[in-house]
Amino acid sequence: MFERCVGLAWCLGCRVYTGTMVHVPRERVLVDALASLPRAQRERLERSEIKLIEFLARQRR
């Protein structure tokens, strides 16, 4: 069986992103990229879509 998740893809060069619904196998473990952050920083990122995407983009460089 599958779970539905939101999948995001972005272009660092043009700063455009798209989102879509994706199906992920239930047995697949998804990594929480924000898990290690202090609560206050995590909450700030969760309130701003732009800051969240910029943070995630920096993690992938």
N, C-alpha and C. Protein backbone atom coordinates (compact mmCIF):
# COMPACT_ATOMS: atom_id res chain seq x y z
N MET A 1 0.84 -1.19 0.00
CA MET A 1 0.00 0.00 0.00
C MET A 1 0.88 1.25 0.00
N PHE A 2 0.25 2.36 -0.32
CA PHE A 2 0.96 3.63 -0.43
C PHE A 2 0.32 4.68 0.47
N GLU A 3 1.12 5.66 0.82
CA GLU A 3 0.64 6.86 1.52
C GLU A 3 0.77 8.02 0.56
N ARG A 4 -0.09 8.99 0.70
CA ARG A 4 0.02 10.20 -0.13
C ARG A 4 0.84 11.24 0.61
N CYS A 5 1.77 11.85 -0.09
CA CYS A 5 2.62 12.90 0.46
C CYS A 5 2.71 14.03 -0.56
N VAL A 6 3.08 15.20 -0.08
CA VAL A 6 3.32 16.32 -0.99
C VAL A 6 4.78 16.26 -1.42
N GLY A 7 5.01 16.28 -2.72
CA GLY A 7 6.36 16.29 -3.25
C GLY A 7 6.66 17.65 -3.82
N LEU A 8 7.82 18.22 -3.47
CA LEU A 8 8.23 19.52 -3.98
C LEU A 8 9.49 19.36 -4.82
N ALA A 9 9.56 20.11 -5.89
CA ALA A 9 10.77 20.17 -6.72
C ALA A 9 11.04 21.63 -7.00
N TRP A 10 12.30 22.04 -6.90
CA TRP A 10 12.62 23.43 -7.15
C TRP A 10 13.90 23.56 -7.95
N CYS A 11 13.98 24.69 -8.63
CA CYS A 11 15.16 25.02 -9.42
C CYS A 11 15.90 26.13 -8.68
N LEU A 12 17.13 25.84 -8.24
CA LEU A 12 17.91 26.84 -7.51
C LEU A 12 18.28 28.02 -8.39
N GLY A 13 18.46 27.77 -9.68
CA GLY A 13 18.86 28.84 -10.59
C GLY A 13 17.77 29.88 -10.80
N CYS A 14 16.57 29.42 -11.12
CA CYS A 14 15.49 30.37 -11.41
C CYS A 14 14.55 30.59 -10.22
N ARG A 15 14.78 29.84 -9.13
CA ARG A 15 14.00 29.98 -7.89
C ARG A 15 12.52 29.74 -8.11
N VAL A 16 12.20 28.75 -8.92
CA VAL A 16 10.82 28.35 -9.18
C VAL A 16 10.64 26.95 -8.63
N TYR A 17 9.50 26.70 -8.01
CA TYR A 17 9.24 25.35 -7.53
C TYR A 17 7.81 24.93 -7.87
N THR A 18 7.63 23.64 -7.87
CA THR A 18 6.31 23.07 -8.11
C THR A 18 6.04 22.03 -7.03
N GLY A 19 4.78 21.80 -6.78
CA GLY A 19 4.37 20.80 -5.81
C GLY A 19 3.33 19.88 -6.42
N THR A 20 3.34 18.65 -5.95
CA THR A 20 2.38 17.68 -6.45
C THR A 20 2.14 16.61 -5.39
N MET A 21 1.08 15.87 -5.52
CA MET A 21 0.81 14.76 -4.63
C MET A 21 1.54 13.54 -5.16
N VAL A 22 2.30 12.87 -4.30
CA VAL A 22 3.05 11.68 -4.70
C VAL A 22 2.64 10.51 -3.82
N HIS A 23 2.84 9.32 -4.32
CA HIS A 23 2.55 8.10 -3.55
C HIS A 23 3.87 7.48 -3.11
N VAL A 24 3.99 7.23 -1.82
CA VAL A 24 5.20 6.66 -1.23
C VAL A 24 4.83 5.34 -0.58
N PRO A 25 5.61 4.28 -0.82
CA PRO A 25 5.32 3.00 -0.16
C PRO A 25 5.31 3.18 1.37
N ARG A 26 4.36 2.54 2.04
CA ARG A 26 4.24 2.69 3.49
C ARG A 26 5.49 2.27 4.24
N GLU A 27 6.22 1.30 3.72
CA GLU A 27 7.41 0.83 4.44
C GLU A 27 8.63 1.75 4.26
N ARG A 28 8.54 2.71 3.38
CA ARG A 28 9.67 3.63 3.17
C ARG A 28 9.71 4.66 4.30
N VAL A 29 10.87 4.83 4.89
CA VAL A 29 11.05 5.80 5.96
C VAL A 29 11.46 7.13 5.35
N LEU A 30 10.68 8.16 5.63
CA LEU A 30 10.99 9.50 5.12
C LEU A 30 11.79 10.26 6.16
N VAL A 31 12.82 10.96 5.71
CA VAL A 31 13.69 11.73 6.60
C VAL A 31 13.07 13.10 6.84
N ASP A 32 13.03 13.51 8.09
CA ASP A 32 12.55 14.85 8.44
C ASP A 32 13.75 15.79 8.43
N ALA A 33 13.86 16.62 7.42
CA ALA A 33 15.02 17.51 7.26
C ALA A 33 15.08 18.58 8.35
N LEU A 34 14.00 18.77 9.09
CA LEU A 34 13.96 19.79 10.13
C LEU A 34 14.10 19.20 11.54
N ALA A 35 14.22 17.91 11.65
CA ALA A 35 14.19 17.22 12.94
C ALA A 35 15.29 17.69 13.90
N SER A 36 16.45 18.03 13.38
CA SER A 36 17.57 18.39 14.26
C SER A 36 17.57 19.86 14.68
N LEU A 37 16.64 20.64 14.15
CA LEU A 37 16.61 22.07 14.45
C LEU A 37 15.98 22.35 15.81
N PRO A 38 16.41 23.43 16.45
CA PRO A 38 15.71 23.86 17.67
C PRO A 38 14.26 24.21 17.34
N ARG A 39 13.40 24.03 18.30
CA ARG A 39 11.96 24.22 18.07
C ARG A 39 11.63 25.60 17.48
N ALA A 40 12.24 26.65 18.02
CA ALA A 40 11.93 28.01 17.55
C ALA A 40 12.31 28.19 16.07
N GLN A 41 13.47 27.67 15.70
CA GLN A 41 13.90 27.80 14.30
C GLN A 41 12.99 26.99 13.38
N ARG A 42 12.63 25.79 13.82
CA ARG A 42 11.73 24.95 13.02
C ARG A 42 10.38 25.64 12.81
N GLU A 43 9.85 26.22 13.86
CA GLU A 43 8.55 26.91 13.76
C GLU A 43 8.63 28.11 12.83
N ARG A 44 9.74 28.86 12.86
CA ARG A 44 9.92 30.00 11.94
C ARG A 44 9.90 29.52 10.49
N LEU A 45 10.61 28.43 10.22
CA LEU A 45 10.64 27.91 8.86
C LEU A 45 9.27 27.40 8.42
N GLU A 46 8.55 26.78 9.32
CA GLU A 46 7.23 26.24 8.98
C GLU A 46 6.21 27.34 8.68
N ARG A 47 6.45 28.55 9.19
CA ARG A 47 5.52 29.66 8.95
C ARG A 47 5.77 30.38 7.63
N SER A 48 6.94 30.15 7.02
CA SER A 48 7.29 30.86 5.79
C SER A 48 7.70 29.88 4.71
N GLU A 49 6.88 29.77 3.70
CA GLU A 49 7.17 28.85 2.60
C GLU A 49 8.50 29.20 1.92
N ILE A 50 8.75 30.48 1.74
CA ILE A 50 9.98 30.92 1.09
C ILE A 50 11.20 30.55 1.93
N LYS A 51 11.15 30.85 3.24
CA LYS A 51 12.28 30.51 4.11
C LYS A 51 12.50 29.01 4.18
N LEU A 52 11.42 28.24 4.20
CA LEU A 52 11.54 26.78 4.24
C LEU A 52 12.24 26.26 3.00
N ILE A 53 11.84 26.72 1.83
CA ILE A 53 12.45 26.26 0.58
C ILE A 53 13.91 26.71 0.50
N GLU A 54 14.20 27.93 0.92
CA GLU A 54 15.60 28.38 0.92
C GLU A 54 16.46 27.54 1.86
N PHE A 55 15.92 27.20 3.03
CA PHE A 55 16.66 26.36 3.98
C PHE A 55 16.93 24.99 3.36
N LEU A 56 15.91 24.38 2.78
CA LEU A 56 16.08 23.06 2.18
C LEU A 56 17.06 23.10 1.01
N ALA A 57 17.03 24.18 0.23
CA ALA A 57 17.95 24.31 -0.90
C ALA A 57 19.39 24.39 -0.40
N ARG A 58 19.63 25.11 0.69
CA ARG A 58 20.99 25.20 1.24
C ARG A 58 21.48 23.85 1.74
N GLN A 59 20.58 23.01 2.22
CA GLN A 59 20.98 21.70 2.73
C GLN A 59 21.43 20.77 1.61
N ARG A 60 20.97 20.99 0.40
CA ARG A 60 21.27 20.12 -0.73
C ARG A 60 22.53 20.52 -1.48
N ARG A 61 23.11 21.67 -1.17
CA ARG A 61 24.31 22.14 -1.88
C ARG A 61 25.52 21.40 -1.44
